Amino acid sequence: PFRKARVCLCGEQMDAAADESMILLWYKLSD
């Protein structure tokens, strides 16, 4: 919390990557 704000990637592609990551994680946990 005490570090300066960091520039991060965002946007539609990052949203899609987050959704894909969650789906992959779900099935990995199921496995």
PDB file of all heavy atoms in Angstrom:
ATOM      1  N   PRO A   1       0.793  -1.240   0.000  1.00  0.00           N
ATOM      2  CA  PRO A   1       0.000   0.000   0.000  1.00  0.00           C
ATOM      3  C   PRO A   1       0.820   1.282   0.000  1.00  0.00           C
ATOM      4  O   PRO A   1       0.293   2.346  -0.347  1.00  0.00           O
ATOM      5  CB  PRO A   1      -0.820  -0.124   1.287  1.00  0.00           C
ATOM      6  CG  PRO A   1      -0.021  -1.037   2.160  1.00  0.00           C
ATOM      7  CD  PRO A   1       0.618  -2.013   1.229  1.00  0.00           C
ATOM      8  N   PHE A   2       2.087   1.216   0.389  1.00  0.00           N
ATOM      9  CA  PHE A   2       2.880   2.437   0.485  1.00  0.00           C
ATOM     10  C   PHE A   2       3.739   2.704  -0.752  1.00  0.00           C
ATOM     11  O   PHE A   2       4.460   3.687  -0.816  1.00  0.00           O
ATOM     12  CB  PHE A   2       3.775   2.375   1.732  1.00  0.00           C
ATOM     13  CG  PHE A   2       2.984   2.253   3.008  1.00  0.00           C
ATOM     14  CD1 PHE A   2       2.989   1.071   3.716  1.00  0.00           C
ATOM     15  CD2 PHE A   2       2.200   3.295   3.463  1.00  0.00           C
ATOM     16  CE1 PHE A   2       2.248   0.932   4.880  1.00  0.00           C
ATOM     17  CE2 PHE A   2       1.453   3.177   4.625  1.00  0.00           C
ATOM     18  CZ  PHE A   2       1.476   1.983   5.337  1.00  0.00           C
ATOM     19  N   ARG A   3       3.686   1.813  -1.712  1.00  0.00           N
ATOM     20  CA  ARG A   3       4.390   2.047  -2.963  1.00  0.00           C
ATOM     21  C   ARG A   3       3.588   2.972  -3.863  1.00  0.00           C
ATOM     22  O   ARG A   3       2.369   3.054  -3.758  1.00  0.00           O
ATOM     23  CB  ARG A   3       4.643   0.725  -3.704  1.00  0.00           C
ATOM     24  CG  ARG A   3       5.649  -0.185  -3.026  1.00  0.00           C
ATOM     25  CD  ARG A   3       5.890  -1.405  -3.906  1.00  0.00           C
ATOM     26  NE  ARG A   3       6.788  -2.355  -3.252  1.00  0.00           N
ATOM     27  CZ  ARG A   3       7.129  -3.525  -3.783  1.00  0.00           C
ATOM     28  NH1 ARG A   3       6.635  -3.882  -4.959  1.00  0.00           N
ATOM     29  NH2 ARG A   3       7.945  -4.329  -3.132  1.00  0.00           N
ATOM     30  N   LYS A   4       4.289   3.643  -4.744  1.00  0.00           N
ATOM     31  CA  LYS A   4       3.612   4.487  -5.714  1.00  0.00           C
ATOM     32  C   LYS A   4       2.748   3.630  -6.627  1.00  0.00           C
ATOM     33  O   LYS A   4       3.022   2.455  -6.837  1.00  0.00           O
ATOM     34  CB  LYS A   4       4.630   5.273  -6.543  1.00  0.00           C
ATOM     35  CG  LYS A   4       5.383   6.340  -5.761  1.00  0.00           C
ATOM     36  CD  LYS A   4       6.326   7.100  -6.681  1.00  0.00           C
ATOM     37  CE  LYS A   4       7.074   8.180  -5.908  1.00  0.00           C
ATOM     38  NZ  LYS A   4       8.013   8.940  -6.793  1.00  0.00           N
ATOM     39  N   ALA A   5       1.721   4.251  -7.171  1.00  0.00           N
ATOM     40  CA  ALA A   5       0.848   3.526  -8.096  1.00  0.00           C
ATOM     41  C   ALA A   5       1.653   3.015  -9.283  1.00  0.00           C
ATOM     42  O   ALA A   5       2.531   3.707  -9.799  1.00  0.00           O
ATOM     43  CB  ALA A   5      -0.277   4.428  -8.571  1.00  0.00           C
ATOM     44  N   ARG A   6       1.371   1.790  -9.697  1.00  0.00           N
ATOM     45  CA  ARG A   6       2.095   1.177 -10.799  1.00  0.00           C
ATOM     46  C   ARG A   6       1.230   1.188 -12.050  1.00  0.00           C
ATOM     47  O   ARG A   6       0.021   0.990 -11.985  1.00  0.00           O
ATOM     48  CB  ARG A   6       2.468  -0.258 -10.434  1.00  0.00           C
ATOM     49  CG  ARG A   6       3.132  -1.058 -11.530  1.00  0.00           C
ATOM     50  CD  ARG A   6       3.599  -2.394 -11.000  1.00  0.00           C
ATOM     51  NE  ARG A   6       4.760  -2.241 -10.148  1.00  0.00           N
ATOM     52  CZ  ARG A   6       5.132  -3.120  -9.221  1.00  0.00           C
ATOM     53  NH1 ARG A   6       4.416  -4.200  -9.017  1.00  0.00           N
ATOM     54  NH2 ARG A   6       6.209  -2.919  -8.505  1.00  0.00           N
ATOM     55  N   VAL A   7       1.856   1.411 -13.186  1.00  0.00           N
ATOM     56  CA  VAL A   7       1.137   1.370 -14.457  1.00  0.00           C
ATOM     57  C   VAL A   7       0.907  -0.088 -14.839  1.00  0.00           C
ATOM     58  O   VAL A   7       1.854  -0.872 -14.939  1.00  0.00           O
ATOM     59  CB  VAL A   7       1.930   2.085 -15.567  1.00  0.00           C
ATOM     60  CG1 VAL A   7       1.213   1.927 -16.904  1.00  0.00           C
ATOM     61  CG2 VAL A   7       2.096   3.566 -15.231  1.00  0.00           C
ATOM     62  N   CYS A   8      -0.341  -0.454 -15.028  1.00  0.00           N
ATOM     63  CA  CYS A   8      -0.704  -1.839 -15.328  1.00  0.00           C
ATOM     64  C   CYS A   8      -1.444  -1.912 -16.659  1.00  0.00           C
ATOM     65  O   CYS A   8      -2.140  -0.972 -17.054  1.00  0.00           O
ATOM     66  CB  CYS A   8      -1.606  -2.402 -14.230  1.00  0.00           C
ATOM     67  SG  CYS A   8      -0.871  -2.393 -12.591  1.00  0.00           S
ATOM     68  N   LEU A   9      -1.306  -3.039 -17.322  1.00  0.00           N
ATOM     69  CA  LEU A   9      -2.056  -3.274 -18.553  1.00  0.00           C
ATOM     70  C   LEU A   9      -3.521  -3.508 -18.219  1.00  0.00           C
ATOM     71  O   LEU A   9      -3.847  -4.118 -17.199  1.00  0.00           O
ATOM     72  CB  LEU A   9      -1.499  -4.495 -19.290  1.00  0.00           C
ATOM     73  CG  LEU A   9      -0.003  -4.496 -19.613  1.00  0.00           C
ATOM     74  CD1 LEU A   9       0.336  -5.719 -20.464  1.00  0.00           C
ATOM     75  CD2 LEU A   9       0.410  -3.228 -20.336  1.00  0.00           C
ATOM     76  N   CYS A  10      -4.402  -3.050 -19.062  1.00  0.00           N
ATOM     77  CA  CYS A  10      -5.830  -3.251 -18.839  1.00  0.00           C
ATOM     78  C   CYS A  10      -6.542  -3.273 -20.192  1.00  0.00           C
ATOM     79  O   CYS A  10      -5.899  -3.236 -21.240  1.00  0.00           O
ATOM     80  CB  CYS A  10      -6.400  -2.161 -17.934  1.00  0.00           C
ATOM     81  SG  CYS A  10      -6.301  -0.487 -18.629  1.00  0.00           S
ATOM     82  N   GLY A  11      -7.865  -3.348 -20.169  1.00  0.00           N
ATOM     83  CA  GLY A  11      -8.625  -3.350 -21.411  1.00  0.00           C
ATOM     84  C   GLY A  11      -9.297  -4.671 -21.705  1.00  0.00           C
ATOM     85  O   GLY A  11      -9.279  -5.607 -20.885  1.00  0.00           O
ATOM     86  N   GLU A  12      -9.895  -4.775 -22.894  1.00  0.00           N
ATOM     87  CA  GLU A  12     -10.672  -5.959 -23.268  1.00  0.00           C
ATOM     88  C   GLU A  12      -9.830  -7.232 -23.271  1.00  0.00           C
ATOM     89  O   GLU A  12     -10.298  -8.294 -22.857  1.00  0.00           O
ATOM     90  CB  GLU A  12     -11.304  -5.757 -24.641  1.00  0.00           C
ATOM     91  CG  GLU A  12     -12.402  -4.692 -24.674  1.00  0.00           C
ATOM     92  CD  GLU A  12     -13.034  -4.561 -26.039  1.00  0.00           C
ATOM     93  OE1 GLU A  12     -12.674  -5.361 -26.931  1.00  0.00           O
ATOM     94  OE2 GLU A  12     -13.889  -3.689 -26.219  1.00  0.00           O
ATOM     95  N   GLN A  13      -8.602  -7.153 -23.774  1.00  0.00           N
ATOM     96  CA  GLN A  13      -7.758  -8.341 -23.834  1.00  0.00           C
ATOM     97  C   GLN A  13      -7.387  -8.838 -22.439  1.00  0.00           C
ATOM     98  O   GLN A  13      -7.308 -10.038 -22.190  1.00  0.00           O
ATOM     99  CB  GLN A  13      -6.499  -8.061 -24.650  1.00  0.00           C
ATOM    100  CG  GLN A  13      -6.746  -7.880 -26.139  1.00  0.00           C
ATOM    101  CD  GLN A  13      -7.374  -9.103 -26.777  1.00  0.00           C
ATOM    102  OE1 GLN A  13      -7.083 -10.240 -26.422  1.00  0.00           O
ATOM    103  NE2 GLN A  13      -8.253  -8.881 -27.748  1.00  0.00           N
ATOM    104  N   MET A  14      -7.151  -7.921 -21.513  1.00  0.00           N
ATOM    105  CA  MET A  14      -6.850  -8.320 -20.143  1.00  0.00           C
ATOM    106  C   MET A  14      -8.089  -8.919 -19.486  1.00  0.00           C
ATOM    107  O   MET A  14      -7.989  -9.891 -18.726  1.00  0.00           O
ATOM    108  CB  MET A  14      -6.346  -7.110 -19.353  1.00  0.00           C
ATOM    109  CG  MET A  14      -5.636  -7.460 -18.057  1.00  0.00           C
ATOM    110  SD  MET A  14      -4.190  -8.524 -18.248  1.00  0.00           S
ATOM    111  CE  MET A  14      -3.086  -7.456 -19.173  1.00  0.00           C
ATOM    112  N   ASP A  15      -9.260  -8.381 -19.799  1.00  0.00           N
ATOM    113  CA  ASP A  15     -10.508  -8.963 -19.290  1.00  0.00           C
ATOM    114  C   ASP A  15     -10.668 -10.398 -19.789  1.00  0.00           C
ATOM    115  O   ASP A  15     -11.021 -11.307 -19.022  1.00  0.00           O
ATOM    116  CB  ASP A  15     -11.717  -8.135 -19.751  1.00  0.00           C
ATOM    117  CG  ASP A  15     -11.814  -6.790 -19.046  1.00  0.00           C
ATOM    118  OD1 ASP A  15     -11.045  -6.552 -18.087  1.00  0.00           O
ATOM    119  OD2 ASP A  15     -12.660  -5.972 -19.462  1.00  0.00           O
ATOM    120  N   ALA A  16     -10.407 -10.607 -21.081  1.00  0.00           N
ATOM    121  CA  ALA A  16     -10.533 -11.946 -21.661  1.00  0.00           C
ATOM    122  C   ALA A  16      -9.514 -12.897 -21.040  1.00  0.00           C
ATOM    123  O   ALA A  16      -9.824 -14.065 -20.754  1.00  0.00           O
ATOM    124  CB  ALA A  16     -10.347 -11.884 -23.179  1.00  0.00           C
ATOM    125  N   ALA A  17      -8.294 -12.411 -20.830  1.00  0.00           N
ATOM    126  CA  ALA A  17      -7.261 -13.254 -20.215  1.00  0.00           C
ATOM    127  C   ALA A  17      -7.654 -13.643 -18.798  1.00  0.00           C
ATOM    128  O   ALA A  17      -7.418 -14.778 -18.358  1.00  0.00           O
ATOM    129  CB  ALA A  17      -5.925 -12.523 -20.209  1.00  0.00           C
ATOM    130  N   ALA A  18      -8.258 -12.712 -18.049  1.00  0.00           N
ATOM    131  CA  ALA A  18      -8.704 -13.011 -16.682  1.00  0.00           C
ATOM    132  C   ALA A  18      -9.817 -14.055 -16.695  1.00  0.00           C
ATOM    133  O   ALA A  18      -9.837 -14.977 -15.866  1.00  0.00           O
ATOM    134  CB  ALA A  18      -9.192 -11.734 -15.996  1.00  0.00           C
ATOM    135  N   ASP A  19     -10.752 -13.935 -17.646  1.00  0.00           N
ATOM    136  CA  ASP A  19     -11.841 -14.911 -17.758  1.00  0.00           C
ATOM    137  C   ASP A  19     -11.303 -16.287 -18.143  1.00  0.00           C
ATOM    138  O   ASP A  19     -11.715 -17.312 -17.580  1.00  0.00           O
ATOM    139  CB  ASP A  19     -12.867 -14.438 -18.784  1.00  0.00           C
ATOM    140  CG  ASP A  19     -13.598 -13.178 -18.340  1.00  0.00           C
ATOM    141  OD1 ASP A  19     -13.626 -12.902 -17.127  1.00  0.00           O
ATOM    142  OD2 ASP A  19     -14.134 -12.461 -19.218  1.00  0.00           O
ATOM    143  N   GLU A  20     -10.384 -16.325 -19.100  1.00  0.00           N
ATOM    144  CA  GLU A  20      -9.787 -17.603 -19.494  1.00  0.00           C
ATOM    145  C   GLU A  20      -9.026 -18.228 -18.330  1.00  0.00           C
ATOM    146  O   GLU A  20      -9.091 -19.452 -18.111  1.00  0.00           O
ATOM    147  CB  GLU A  20      -8.848 -17.390 -20.681  1.00  0.00           C
ATOM    148  CG  GLU A  20      -9.577 -17.099 -21.990  1.00  0.00           C
ATOM    149  CD  GLU A  20      -8.631 -16.780 -23.130  1.00  0.00           C
ATOM    150  OE1 GLU A  20      -7.442 -16.500 -22.871  1.00  0.00           O
ATOM    151  OE2 GLU A  20      -9.086 -16.802 -24.294  1.00  0.00           O
ATOM    152  N   SER A  21      -8.319 -17.401 -17.582  1.00  0.00           N
ATOM    153  CA  SER A  21      -7.561 -17.905 -16.434  1.00  0.00           C
ATOM    154  C   SER A  21      -8.489 -18.534 -15.402  1.00  0.00           C
ATOM    155  O   SER A  21      -8.197 -19.603 -14.850  1.00  0.00           O
ATOM    156  CB  SER A  21      -6.758 -16.767 -15.788  1.00  0.00           C
ATOM    157  OG  SER A  21      -5.823 -16.223 -16.693  1.00  0.00           O
ATOM    158  N   MET A  22      -9.616 -17.880 -15.134  1.00  0.00           N
ATOM    159  CA  MET A  22     -10.571 -18.414 -14.165  1.00  0.00           C
ATOM    160  C   MET A  22     -11.171 -19.739 -14.635  1.00  0.00           C
ATOM    161  O   MET A  22     -11.315 -20.688 -13.858  1.00  0.00           O
ATOM    162  CB  MET A  22     -11.682 -17.383 -13.915  1.00  0.00           C
ATOM    163  CG  MET A  22     -12.775 -17.849 -12.950  1.00  0.00           C
ATOM    164  SD  MET A  22     -12.156 -18.425 -11.352  1.00  0.00           S
ATOM    165  CE  MET A  22     -11.419 -16.912 -10.721  1.00  0.00           C
ATOM    166  N   ILE A  23     -11.503 -19.814 -15.917  1.00  0.00           N
ATOM    167  CA  ILE A  23     -12.071 -21.056 -16.464  1.00  0.00           C
ATOM    168  C   ILE A  23     -11.051 -22.189 -16.393  1.00  0.00           C
ATOM    169  O   ILE A  23     -11.367 -23.311 -15.977  1.00  0.00           O
ATOM    170  CB  ILE A  23     -12.548 -20.828 -17.910  1.00  0.00           C
ATOM    171  CG1 ILE A  23     -13.768 -19.904 -17.918  1.00  0.00           C
ATOM    172  CG2 ILE A  23     -12.876 -22.152 -18.601  1.00  0.00           C
ATOM    173  CD1 ILE A  23     -14.163 -19.403 -19.293  1.00  0.00           C
ATOM    174  N   LEU A  24      -9.817 -21.910 -16.778  1.00  0.00           N
ATOM    175  CA  LEU A  24      -8.767 -22.923 -16.712  1.00  0.00           C
ATOM    176  C   LEU A  24      -8.524 -23.379 -15.280  1.00  0.00           C
ATOM    177  O   LEU A  24      -8.336 -24.569 -15.012  1.00  0.00           O
ATOM    178  CB  LEU A  24      -7.474 -22.373 -17.315  1.00  0.00           C
ATOM    179  CG  LEU A  24      -7.482 -22.153 -18.832  1.00  0.00           C
ATOM    180  CD1 LEU A  24      -6.245 -21.368 -19.261  1.00  0.00           C
ATOM    181  CD2 LEU A  24      -7.534 -23.488 -19.572  1.00  0.00           C
ATOM    182  N   LEU A  25      -8.531 -22.444 -14.350  1.00  0.00           N
ATOM    183  CA  LEU A  25      -8.334 -22.781 -12.942  1.00  0.00           C
ATOM    184  C   LEU A  25      -9.462 -23.665 -12.434  1.00  0.00           C
ATOM    185  O   LEU A  25      -9.228 -24.639 -11.715  1.00  0.00           O
ATOM    186  CB  LEU A  25      -8.250 -21.497 -12.109  1.00  0.00           C
ATOM    187  CG  LEU A  25      -8.171 -21.691 -10.589  1.00  0.00           C
ATOM    188  CD1 LEU A  25      -6.885 -22.422 -10.214  1.00  0.00           C
ATOM    189  CD2 LEU A  25      -8.262 -20.349  -9.872  1.00  0.00           C
ATOM    190  N   TRP A  26     -10.686 -23.349 -12.814  1.00  0.00           N
ATOM    191  CA  TRP A  26     -11.839 -24.126 -12.363  1.00  0.00           C
ATOM    192  C   TRP A  26     -11.710 -25.594 -12.777  1.00  0.00           C
ATOM    193  O   TRP A  26     -11.898 -26.502 -11.959  1.00  0.00           O
ATOM    194  CB  TRP A  26     -13.119 -23.526 -12.944  1.00  0.00           C
ATOM    195  CG  TRP A  26     -14.364 -24.330 -12.657  1.00  0.00           C
ATOM    196  CD1 TRP A  26     -14.922 -25.290 -13.458  1.00  0.00           C
ATOM    197  CD2 TRP A  26     -15.179 -24.255 -11.493  1.00  0.00           C
ATOM    198  NE1 TRP A  26     -16.045 -25.806 -12.868  1.00  0.00           N
ATOM    199  CE2 TRP A  26     -16.226 -25.195 -11.655  1.00  0.00           C
ATOM    200  CE3 TRP A  26     -15.134 -23.486 -10.333  1.00  0.00           C
ATOM    201  CZ2 TRP A  26     -17.209 -25.377 -10.691  1.00  0.00           C
ATOM    202  CZ3 TRP A  26     -16.133 -23.672  -9.369  1.00  0.00           C
ATOM    203  CH2 TRP A  26     -17.141 -24.613  -9.557  1.00  0.00           C
ATOM    204  N   TYR A  27     -11.360 -25.816 -14.025  1.00  0.00           N
ATOM    205  CA  TYR A  27     -11.259 -27.199 -14.499  1.00  0.00           C
ATOM    206  C   TYR A  27     -10.010 -27.895 -13.954  1.00  0.00           C
ATOM    207  O   TYR A  27     -10.008 -29.121 -13.774  1.00  0.00           O
ATOM    208  CB  TYR A  27     -11.299 -27.232 -16.024  1.00  0.00           C
ATOM    209  CG  TYR A  27     -12.692 -26.984 -16.554  1.00  0.00           C
ATOM    210  CD1 TYR A  27     -13.050 -25.746 -17.084  1.00  0.00           C
ATOM    211  CD2 TYR A  27     -13.667 -27.972 -16.488  1.00  0.00           C
ATOM    212  CE1 TYR A  27     -14.333 -25.502 -17.542  1.00  0.00           C
ATOM    213  CE2 TYR A  27     -14.951 -27.736 -16.949  1.00  0.00           C
ATOM    214  CZ  TYR A  27     -15.283 -26.509 -17.464  1.00  0.00           C
ATOM    215  OH  TYR A  27     -16.566 -26.271 -17.909  1.00  0.00           O
ATOM    216  N   LYS A  28      -8.945 -27.124 -13.696  1.00  0.00           N
ATOM    217  CA  LYS A  28      -7.767 -27.713 -13.056  1.00  0.00           C
ATOM    218  C   LYS A  28      -8.111 -28.181 -11.647  1.00  0.00           C
ATOM    219  O   LYS A  28      -7.704 -29.278 -11.223  1.00  0.00           O
ATOM    220  CB  LYS A  28      -6.632 -26.678 -13.001  1.00  0.00           C
ATOM    221  CG  LYS A  28      -5.389 -27.143 -12.245  1.00  0.00           C
ATOM    222  CD  LYS A  28      -4.711 -28.317 -12.939  1.00  0.00           C
ATOM    223  CE  LYS A  28      -3.352 -28.627 -12.354  1.00  0.00           C
ATOM    224  NZ  LYS A  28      -3.348 -29.044 -10.944  1.00  0.00           N
ATOM    225  N   LEU A  29      -8.862 -27.384 -10.898  1.00  0.00           N
ATOM    226  CA  LEU A  29      -9.291 -27.782  -9.560  1.00  0.00           C
ATOM    227  C   LEU A  29     -10.195 -29.013  -9.623  1.00  0.00           C
ATOM    228  O   LEU A  29     -10.081 -29.929  -8.799  1.00  0.00           O
ATOM    229  CB  LEU A  29     -10.028 -26.629  -8.879  1.00  0.00           C
ATOM    230  CG  LEU A  29      -9.173 -25.421  -8.476  1.00  0.00           C
ATOM    231  CD1 LEU A  29     -10.066 -24.266  -8.015  1.00  0.00           C
ATOM    232  CD2 LEU A  29      -8.183 -25.797  -7.371  1.00  0.00           C
ATOM    233  N   SER A  30     -11.080 -29.044 -10.612  1.00  0.00           N
ATOM    234  CA  SER A  30     -11.964 -30.209 -10.780  1.00  0.00           C
ATOM    235  C   SER A  30     -11.153 -31.464 -11.061  1.00  0.00           C
ATOM    236  O   SER A  30     -11.446 -32.551 -10.543  1.00  0.00           O
ATOM    237  CB  SER A  30     -12.950 -29.953 -11.926  1.00  0.00           C
ATOM    238  OG  SER A  30     -13.767 -28.836 -11.653  1.00  0.00           O
ATOM    239  N   ASP A  31     -10.095 -31.318 -11.859  1.00  0.00           N
ATOM    240  CA  ASP A  31      -9.222 -32.445 -12.166  1.00  0.00           C
ATOM    241  C   ASP A  31      -8.468 -32.899 -10.919  1.00  0.00           C
ATOM    242  O   ASP A  31      -8.318 -34.103 -10.679  1.00  0.00           O
ATOM    243  CB  ASP A  31      -8.240 -32.047 -13.264  1.00  0.00           C
ATOM    244  CG  ASP A  31      -7.458 -33.234 -13.800  1.00  0.00           C
ATOM    245  OD1 ASP A  31      -8.088 -34.222 -14.225  1.00  0.00           O
ATOM    246  OD2 ASP A  31      -6.214 -33.186 -13.783  1.00  0.00           O
TER     247      ASP A  31
END
